[in-house]
Amino acid sequence: MATEVLQTQVIQKAWEDASFREKLMADPKSAIRDVLGVVIPDHIQIKTVEETPDQFYLVIPPDPSGVLAASQKPRSMW
């Protein structure tokens, strides 16, 4: 499943289901596994934060320089 699709599904479910949102905040891997059936590998860490109208979180992805050949484009990390 593409990262963007998974993120969209998780966000939509969190907006619709308060109990899922609570579990997502406390234990995101379990919440995603239980509701969407997606198992996220142990070496992947997930931190869930909830924005408010007065807060915005800017996520800076890993710097791909030195990792990717010049001809390759960066891809999502999940």
PDB file of N, CA and C in Angstrom:
ATOM      1  N   MET A   1       0.859  -1.183   0.000  1.00  0.00           N
ATOM      2  CA  MET A   1       0.000   0.000   0.000  1.00  0.00           C
ATOM      3  C   MET A   1       0.897   1.235   0.000  1.00  0.00           C
ATOM      4  N   ALA A   2       0.613   2.167  -0.876  1.00  0.00           N
ATOM      5  CA  ALA A   2       1.421   3.385  -0.967  1.00  0.00           C
ATOM      6  C   ALA A   2       1.286   4.204   0.314  1.00  0.00           C
ATOM      7  N   THR A   3       2.361   4.857   0.682  1.00  0.00           N
ATOM      8  CA  THR A   3       2.398   5.650   1.907  1.00  0.00           C
ATOM      9  C   THR A   3       1.286   6.696   1.941  1.00  0.00           C
ATOM     10  N   GLU A   4       1.110   7.400   0.831  1.00  0.00           N
ATOM     11  CA  GLU A   4       0.110   8.471   0.790  1.00  0.00           C
ATOM     12  C   GLU A   4      -1.299   7.922   0.994  1.00  0.00           C
ATOM     13  N   VAL A   5      -1.579   6.765   0.405  1.00  0.00           N
ATOM     14  CA  VAL A   5      -2.896   6.139   0.556  1.00  0.00           C
ATOM     15  C   VAL A   5      -3.111   5.735   2.012  1.00  0.00           C
ATOM     16  N   LEU A   6      -2.108   5.125   2.620  1.00  0.00           N
ATOM     17  CA  LEU A   6      -2.205   4.715   4.020  1.00  0.00           C
ATOM     18  C   LEU A   6      -2.418   5.921   4.921  1.00  0.00           C
ATOM     19  N   GLN A   7      -1.645   6.977   4.711  1.00  0.00           N
ATOM     20  CA  GLN A   7      -1.797   8.185   5.530  1.00  0.00           C
ATOM     21  C   GLN A   7      -3.205   8.766   5.392  1.00  0.00           C
ATOM     22  N   THR A   8      -3.719   8.807   4.181  1.00  0.00           N
ATOM     23  CA  THR A   8      -5.059   9.339   3.950  1.00  0.00           C
ATOM     24  C   THR A   8      -6.104   8.493   4.672  1.00  0.00           C
ATOM     25  N   GLN A   9      -5.976   7.176   4.602  1.00  0.00           N
ATOM     26  CA  GLN A   9      -6.928   6.289   5.274  1.00  0.00           C
ATOM     27  C   GLN A   9      -6.865   6.449   6.790  1.00  0.00           C
ATOM     28  N   VAL A  10      -5.670   6.562   7.332  1.00  0.00           N
ATOM     29  CA  VAL A  10      -5.509   6.722   8.781  1.00  0.00           C
ATOM     30  C   VAL A  10      -6.120   8.041   9.236  1.00  0.00           C
ATOM     31  N   ILE A  11      -5.844   9.113   8.532  1.00  0.00           N
ATOM     32  CA  ILE A  11      -6.384  10.428   8.903  1.00  0.00           C
ATOM     33  C   ILE A  11      -7.906  10.429   8.821  1.00  0.00           C
ATOM     34  N   GLN A  12      -8.450   9.885   7.743  1.00  0.00           N
ATOM     35  CA  GLN A  12      -9.909   9.836   7.578  1.00  0.00           C
ATOM     36  C   GLN A  12     -10.553   9.060   8.723  1.00  0.00           C
ATOM     37  N   LYS A  13      -9.981   7.908   9.052  1.00  0.00           N
ATOM     38  CA  LYS A  13     -10.523   7.087  10.141  1.00  0.00           C
ATOM     39  C   LYS A  13     -10.429   7.832  11.477  1.00  0.00           C
ATOM     40  N   ALA A  14      -9.337   8.539  11.713  1.00  0.00           N
ATOM     41  CA  ALA A  14      -9.172   9.295  12.965  1.00  0.00           C
ATOM     42  C   ALA A  14     -10.207  10.405  13.073  1.00  0.00           C
ATOM     43  N   TRP A  15     -10.549  11.041  11.967  1.00  0.00           N
ATOM     44  CA  TRP A  15     -11.584  12.084  11.983  1.00  0.00           C
ATOM     45  C   TRP A  15     -12.964  11.496  12.275  1.00  0.00           C
ATOM     46  N   GLU A  16     -13.195  10.284  11.812  1.00  0.00           N
ATOM     47  CA  GLU A  16     -14.519   9.664  11.930  1.00  0.00           C
ATOM     48  C   GLU A  16     -14.720   8.896  13.239  1.00  0.00           C
ATOM     49  N   ASP A  17     -13.647   8.450  13.856  1.00  0.00           N
ATOM     50  CA  ASP A  17     -13.749   7.512  14.982  1.00  0.00           C
ATOM     51  C   ASP A  17     -12.850   7.974  16.138  1.00  0.00           C
ATOM     52  N   ALA A  18     -13.478   8.535  17.155  1.00  0.00           N
ATOM     53  CA  ALA A  18     -12.732   9.084  18.296  1.00  0.00           C
ATOM     54  C   ALA A  18     -11.934   8.005  19.032  1.00  0.00           C
ATOM     55  N   SER A  19     -12.471   6.799  19.146  1.00  0.00           N
ATOM     56  CA  SER A  19     -11.732   5.748  19.860  1.00  0.00           C
ATOM     57  C   SER A  19     -10.497   5.321  19.060  1.00  0.00           C
ATOM     58  N   PHE A  20     -10.614   5.283  17.735  1.00  0.00           N
ATOM     59  CA  PHE A  20      -9.441   4.993  16.903  1.00  0.00           C
ATOM     60  C   PHE A  20      -8.399   6.096  17.064  1.00  0.00           C
ATOM     61  N   ARG A  21      -8.839   7.347  17.081  1.00  0.00           N
ATOM     62  CA  ARG A  21      -7.906   8.468  17.232  1.00  0.00           C
ATOM     63  C   ARG A  21      -7.159   8.362  18.558  1.00  0.00           C
ATOM     64  N   GLU A  22      -7.861   8.011  19.628  1.00  0.00           N
ATOM     65  CA  GLU A  22      -7.213   7.854  20.931  1.00  0.00           C
ATOM     66  C   GLU A  22      -6.153   6.751  20.892  1.00  0.00           C
ATOM     67  N   LYS A  23      -6.501   5.614  20.289  1.00  0.00           N
ATOM     68  CA  LYS A  23      -5.548   4.510  20.192  1.00  0.00           C
ATOM     69  C   LYS A  23      -4.380   4.896  19.287  1.00  0.00           C
ATOM     70  N   LEU A  24      -4.675   5.617  18.210  1.00  0.00           N
ATOM     71  CA  LEU A  24      -3.630   6.076  17.296  1.00  0.00           C
ATOM     72  C   LEU A  24      -2.630   6.981  18.010  1.00  0.00           C
ATOM     73  N   MET A  25      -3.115   7.822  18.899  1.00  0.00           N
ATOM     74  CA  MET A  25      -2.236   8.705  19.667  1.00  0.00           C
ATOM     75  C   MET A  25      -1.377   7.905  20.649  1.00  0.00           C
ATOM     76  N   ALA A  26      -1.954   6.869  21.246  1.00  0.00           N
ATOM     77  CA  ALA A  26      -1.253   6.093  22.269  1.00  0.00           C
ATOM     78  C   ALA A  26      -0.354   5.002  21.684  1.00  0.00           C
ATOM     79  N   ASP A  27      -0.824   4.323  20.651  1.00  0.00           N
ATOM     80  CA  ASP A  27      -0.098   3.178  20.081  1.00  0.00           C
ATOM     81  C   ASP A  27      -0.395   3.098  18.589  1.00  0.00           C
ATOM     82  N   PRO A  28       0.270   3.930  17.789  1.00  0.00           N
ATOM     83  CA  PRO A  28      -0.071   4.019  16.370  1.00  0.00           C
ATOM     84  C   PRO A  28       0.073   2.715  15.587  1.00  0.00           C
ATOM     85  N   LYS A  29       1.096   1.934  15.857  1.00  0.00           N
ATOM     86  CA  LYS A  29       1.273   0.682  15.106  1.00  0.00           C
ATOM     87  C   LYS A  29       0.122  -0.282  15.342  1.00  0.00           C
ATOM     88  N   SER A  30      -0.279  -0.418  16.598  1.00  0.00           N
ATOM     89  CA  SER A  30      -1.403  -1.307  16.923  1.00  0.00           C
ATOM     90  C   SER A  30      -2.698  -0.808  16.294  1.00  0.00           C
ATOM     91  N   ALA A  31      -2.926   0.491  16.375  1.00  0.00           N
ATOM     92  CA  ALA A  31      -4.148   1.066  15.817  1.00  0.00           C
ATOM     93  C   ALA A  31      -4.232   0.809  14.318  1.00  0.00           C
ATOM     94  N   ILE A  32      -3.145   1.026  13.620  1.00  0.00           N
ATOM     95  CA  ILE A  32      -3.122   0.826  12.167  1.00  0.00           C
ATOM     96  C   ILE A  32      -3.279  -0.653  11.827  1.00  0.00           C
ATOM     97  N   ARG A  33      -2.606  -1.502  12.564  1.00  0.00           N
ATOM     98  CA  ARG A  33      -2.717  -2.944  12.327  1.00  0.00           C
ATOM     99  C   ARG A  33      -4.143  -3.430  12.574  1.00  0.00           C
ATOM    100  N   ASP A  34      -4.741  -3.010  13.691  1.00  0.00           N
ATOM    101  CA  ASP A  34      -6.070  -3.488  14.055  1.00  0.00           C
ATOM    102  C   ASP A  34      -7.150  -3.032  13.091  1.00  0.00           C
ATOM    103  N   VAL A  35      -7.050  -1.812  12.609  1.00  0.00           N
ATOM    104  CA  VAL A  35      -8.119  -1.258  11.774  1.00  0.00           C
ATOM    105  C   VAL A  35      -7.888  -1.497  10.281  1.00  0.00           C
ATOM    106  N   LEU A  36      -6.646  -1.363   9.835  1.00  0.00           N
ATOM    107  CA  LEU A  36      -6.364  -1.470   8.406  1.00  0.00           C
ATOM    108  C   LEU A  36      -5.654  -2.763   8.018  1.00  0.00           C
ATOM    109  N   GLY A  37      -5.215  -3.525   9.019  1.00  0.00           N
ATOM    110  CA  GLY A  37      -4.541  -4.780   8.723  1.00  0.00           C
ATOM    111  C   GLY A  37      -3.129  -4.604   8.187  1.00  0.00           C
ATOM    112  N   VAL A  38      -2.557  -3.432   8.376  1.00  0.00           N
ATOM    113  CA  VAL A  38      -1.201  -3.157   7.890  1.00  0.00           C
ATOM    114  C   VAL A  38      -0.227  -3.311   9.050  1.00  0.00           C
ATOM    115  N   VAL A  39       0.744  -4.189   8.881  1.00  0.00           N
ATOM    116  CA  VAL A  39       1.762  -4.405   9.904  1.00  0.00           C
ATOM    117  C   VAL A  39       2.984  -3.576   9.530  1.00  0.00           C
ATOM    118  N   ILE A  40       3.363  -2.691  10.420  1.00  0.00           N
ATOM    119  CA  ILE A  40       4.524  -1.830  10.200  1.00  0.00           C
ATOM    120  C   ILE A  40       5.719  -2.477  10.883  1.00  0.00           C
ATOM    121  N   PRO A  41       6.818  -2.640  10.161  1.00  0.00           N
ATOM    122  CA  PRO A  41       7.989  -3.340  10.713  1.00  0.00           C
ATOM    123  C   PRO A  41       8.489  -2.714  12.016  1.00  0.00           C
ATOM    124  N   ASP A  42       9.109  -3.547  12.843  1.00  0.00           N
ATOM    125  CA  ASP A  42       9.608  -3.108  14.144  1.00  0.00           C
ATOM    126  C   ASP A  42      10.631  -1.982  14.048  1.00  0.00           C
ATOM    127  N   HIS A  43      11.430  -1.969  12.986  1.00  0.00           N
ATOM    128  CA  HIS A  43      12.474  -0.938  12.882  1.00  0.00           C
ATOM    129  C   HIS A  43      11.918   0.431  12.487  1.00  0.00           C
ATOM    130  N   ILE A  44      10.644   0.507  12.146  1.00  0.00           N
ATOM    131  CA  ILE A  44       9.996   1.778  11.796  1.00  0.00           C
ATOM    132  C   ILE A  44       9.338   2.342  13.049  1.00  0.00           C
ATOM    133  N   GLN A  45       9.643   3.589  13.364  1.00  0.00           N
ATOM    134  CA  GLN A  45       9.010   4.273  14.496  1.00  0.00           C
ATOM    135  C   GLN A  45       7.944   5.223  13.963  1.00  0.00           C
ATOM    136  N   ILE A  46       6.826   5.294  14.656  1.00  0.00           N
ATOM    137  CA  ILE A  46       5.760   6.223  14.275  1.00  0.00           C
ATOM    138  C   ILE A  46       5.446   7.103  15.473  1.00  0.00           C
ATOM    139  N   LYS A  47       5.400   8.385  15.247  1.00  0.00           N
ATOM    140  CA  LYS A  47       4.991   9.341  16.269  1.00  0.00           C
ATOM    141  C   LYS A  47       3.743  10.043  15.756  1.00  0.00           C
ATOM    142  N   THR A  48       2.696   9.997  16.532  1.00  0.00           N
ATOM    143  CA  THR A  48       1.445  10.630  16.145  1.00  0.00           C
ATOM    144  C   THR A  48       1.279  11.917  16.931  1.00  0.00           C
ATOM    145  N   VAL A  49       1.029  13.000  16.218  1.00  0.00           N
ATOM    146  CA  VAL A  49       0.730  14.283  16.841  1.00  0.00           C
ATOM    147  C   VAL A  49      -0.540  14.817  16.202  1.00  0.00           C
ATOM    148  N   GLU A  50      -1.296  15.548  16.966  1.00  0.00           N
ATOM    149  CA  GLU A  50      -2.556  16.103  16.461  1.00  0.00           C
ATOM    150  C   GLU A  50      -2.435  17.615  16.377  1.00  0.00           C
ATOM    151  N   GLU A  51      -2.574  18.135  15.169  1.00  0.00           N
ATOM    152  CA  GLU A  51      -2.519  19.575  14.982  1.00  0.00           C
ATOM    153  C   GLU A  51      -3.796  20.223  15.507  1.00  0.00           C
ATOM    154  N   THR A  52      -3.669  21.472  15.851  1.00  0.00           N
ATOM    155  CA  THR A  52      -4.819  22.284  16.240  1.00  0.00           C
ATOM    156  C   THR A  52      -4.859  23.476  15.284  1.00  0.00           C
ATOM    157  N   PRO A  53      -5.916  24.271  15.338  1.00  0.00           N
ATOM    158  CA  PRO A  53      -5.951  25.447  14.458  1.00  0.00           C
ATOM    159  C   PRO A  53      -4.780  26.403  14.687  1.00  0.00           C
ATOM    160  N   ASP A  54      -4.178  26.346  15.882  1.00  0.00           N
ATOM    161  CA  ASP A  54      -3.071  27.248  16.216  1.00  0.00           C
ATOM    162  C   ASP A  54      -1.694  26.605  16.114  1.00  0.00           C
ATOM    163  N   GLN A  55      -1.650  25.322  15.752  1.00  0.00           N
ATOM    164  CA  GLN A  55      -0.371  24.618  15.670  1.00  0.00           C
ATOM    165  C   GLN A  55      -0.263  23.922  14.321  1.00  0.00           C
ATOM    166  N   PHE A  56       0.938  23.924  13.783  1.00  0.00           N
ATOM    167  CA  PHE A  56       1.212  23.222  12.544  1.00  0.00           C
ATOM    168  C   PHE A  56       2.560  22.545  12.704  1.00  0.00           C
ATOM    169  N   TYR A  57       2.646  21.290  12.311  1.00  0.00           N
ATOM    170  CA  TYR A  57       3.892  20.548  12.417  1.00  0.00           C
ATOM    171  C   TYR A  57       4.509  20.411  11.032  1.00  0.00           C
ATOM    172  N   LEU A  58       5.747  20.802  10.921  1.00  0.00           N
ATOM    173  CA  LEU A  58       6.494  20.676   9.681  1.00  0.00           C
ATOM    174  C   LEU A  58       7.440  19.493   9.824  1.00  0.00           C
ATOM    175  N   VAL A  59       7.280  18.513   8.964  1.00  0.00           N
ATOM    176  CA  VAL A  59       8.109  17.307   9.016  1.00  0.00           C
ATOM    177  C   VAL A  59       9.159  17.406   7.920  1.00  0.00           C
ATOM    178  N   ILE A  60      10.398  17.346   8.326  1.00  0.00           N
ATOM    179  CA  ILE A  60      11.511  17.409   7.385  1.00  0.00           C
ATOM    180  C   ILE A  60      11.969  15.977   7.116  1.00  0.00           C
ATOM    181  N   PRO A  61      11.805  15.499   5.881  1.00  0.00           N
ATOM    182  CA  PRO A  61      12.214  14.123   5.574  1.00  0.00           C
ATOM    183  C   PRO A  61      13.729  13.988   5.552  1.00  0.00           C
ATOM    184  N   PRO A  62      14.227  12.754   5.569  1.00  0.00           N
ATOM    185  CA  PRO A  62      15.670  12.540   5.512  1.00  0.00           C
ATOM    186  C   PRO A  62      16.254  13.146   4.234  1.00  0.00           C
ATOM    187  N   ASP A  63      17.464  13.646   4.333  1.00  0.00           N
ATOM    188  CA  ASP A  63      18.159  14.220   3.175  1.00  0.00           C
ATOM    189  C   ASP A  63      18.585  13.080   2.257  1.00  0.00           C
ATOM    190  N   PRO A  64      18.092  13.063   1.025  1.00  0.00           N
ATOM    191  CA  PRO A  64      18.423  11.954   0.130  1.00  0.00           C
ATOM    192  C   PRO A  64      19.796  12.072  -0.520  1.00  0.00           C
ATOM    193  N   SER A  65      20.479  13.209  -0.354  1.00  0.00           N
ATOM    194  CA  SER A  65      21.784  13.352  -1.004  1.00  0.00           C
ATOM    195  C   SER A  65      22.755  12.323  -0.458  1.00  0.00           C
ATOM    196  N   GLY A  66      23.519  11.754  -1.336  1.00  0.00           N
ATOM    197  CA  GLY A  66      24.471  10.739  -0.933  1.00  0.00           C
ATOM    198  C   GLY A  66      23.859   9.362  -0.835  1.00  0.00           C
ATOM    199  N   VAL A  67      22.556   9.285  -0.823  1.00  0.00           N
ATOM    200  CA  VAL A  67      21.880   7.997  -0.728  1.00  0.00           C
ATOM    201  C   VAL A  67      21.369   7.580  -2.100  1.00  0.00           C
ATOM    202  N   LEU A  68      20.817   8.542  -2.830  1.00  0.00           N
ATOM    203  CA  LEU A  68      20.247   8.257  -4.134  1.00  0.00           C
ATOM    204  C   LEU A  68      21.176   8.734  -5.244  1.00  0.00           C
ATOM    205  N   ALA A  69      21.189   7.997  -6.316  1.00  0.00           N
ATOM    206  CA  ALA A  69      21.937   8.446  -7.493  1.00  0.00           C
ATOM    207  C   ALA A  69      21.259   9.696  -8.034  1.00  0.00           C
ATOM    208  N   ALA A  70      21.989  10.529  -8.711  1.00  0.00           N
ATOM    209  CA  ALA A  70      21.458  11.798  -9.225  1.00  0.00           C
ATOM    210  C   ALA A  70      20.245  11.591 -10.120  1.00  0.00           C
ATOM    211  N   SER A  71      20.156  10.452 -10.788  1.00  0.00           N
ATOM    212  CA  SER A  71      19.038  10.214 -11.706  1.00  0.00           C
ATOM    213  C   SER A  71      17.776   9.731 -10.996  1.00  0.00           C
ATOM    214  N   GLN A  72      17.897   9.316  -9.737  1.00  0.00           N
ATOM    215  CA  GLN A  72      16.741   8.814  -8.999  1.00  0.00           C
ATOM    216  C   GLN A  72      16.048   9.938  -8.256  1.00  0.00           C
ATOM    217  N   LYS A  73      14.734   9.806  -8.113  1.00  0.00           N
ATOM    218  CA  LYS A  73      13.979  10.784  -7.341  1.00  0.00           C
ATOM    219  C   LYS A  73      13.655  10.178  -5.978  1.00  0.00           C
ATOM    220  N   PRO A  74      13.620  11.003  -4.925  1.00  0.00           N
ATOM    221  CA  PRO A  74      13.291  10.479  -3.596  1.00  0.00           C
ATOM    222  C   PRO A  74      11.879   9.900  -3.583  1.00  0.00           C
ATOM    223  N   ARG A  75      11.699   8.839  -2.795  1.00  0.00           N
ATOM    224  CA  ARG A  75      10.387   8.234  -2.629  1.00  0.00           C
ATOM    225  C   ARG A  75       9.998   8.299  -1.172  1.00  0.00           C
ATOM    226  N   SER A  76       8.728   8.048  -0.891  1.00  0.00           N
ATOM    227  CA  SER A  76       8.248   8.030   0.483  1.00  0.00           C
ATOM    228  C   SER A  76       8.998   6.968   1.274  1.00  0.00           C
ATOM    229  N   MET A  77       9.019   7.134   2.594  1.00  0.00           N
ATOM    230  CA  MET A  77       9.834   6.274   3.425  1.00  0.00           C
ATOM    231  C   MET A  77       9.124   5.126   4.131  1.00  0.00           C
ATOM    232  N   TRP A  78       7.860   5.021   4.156  1.00  0.00           N
ATOM    233  CA  TRP A  78       7.212   3.956   4.916  1.00  0.00           C
ATOM    234  C   TRP A  78       7.386   2.702   4.165  1.00  0.00           C
TER     235      TRP A  78
END
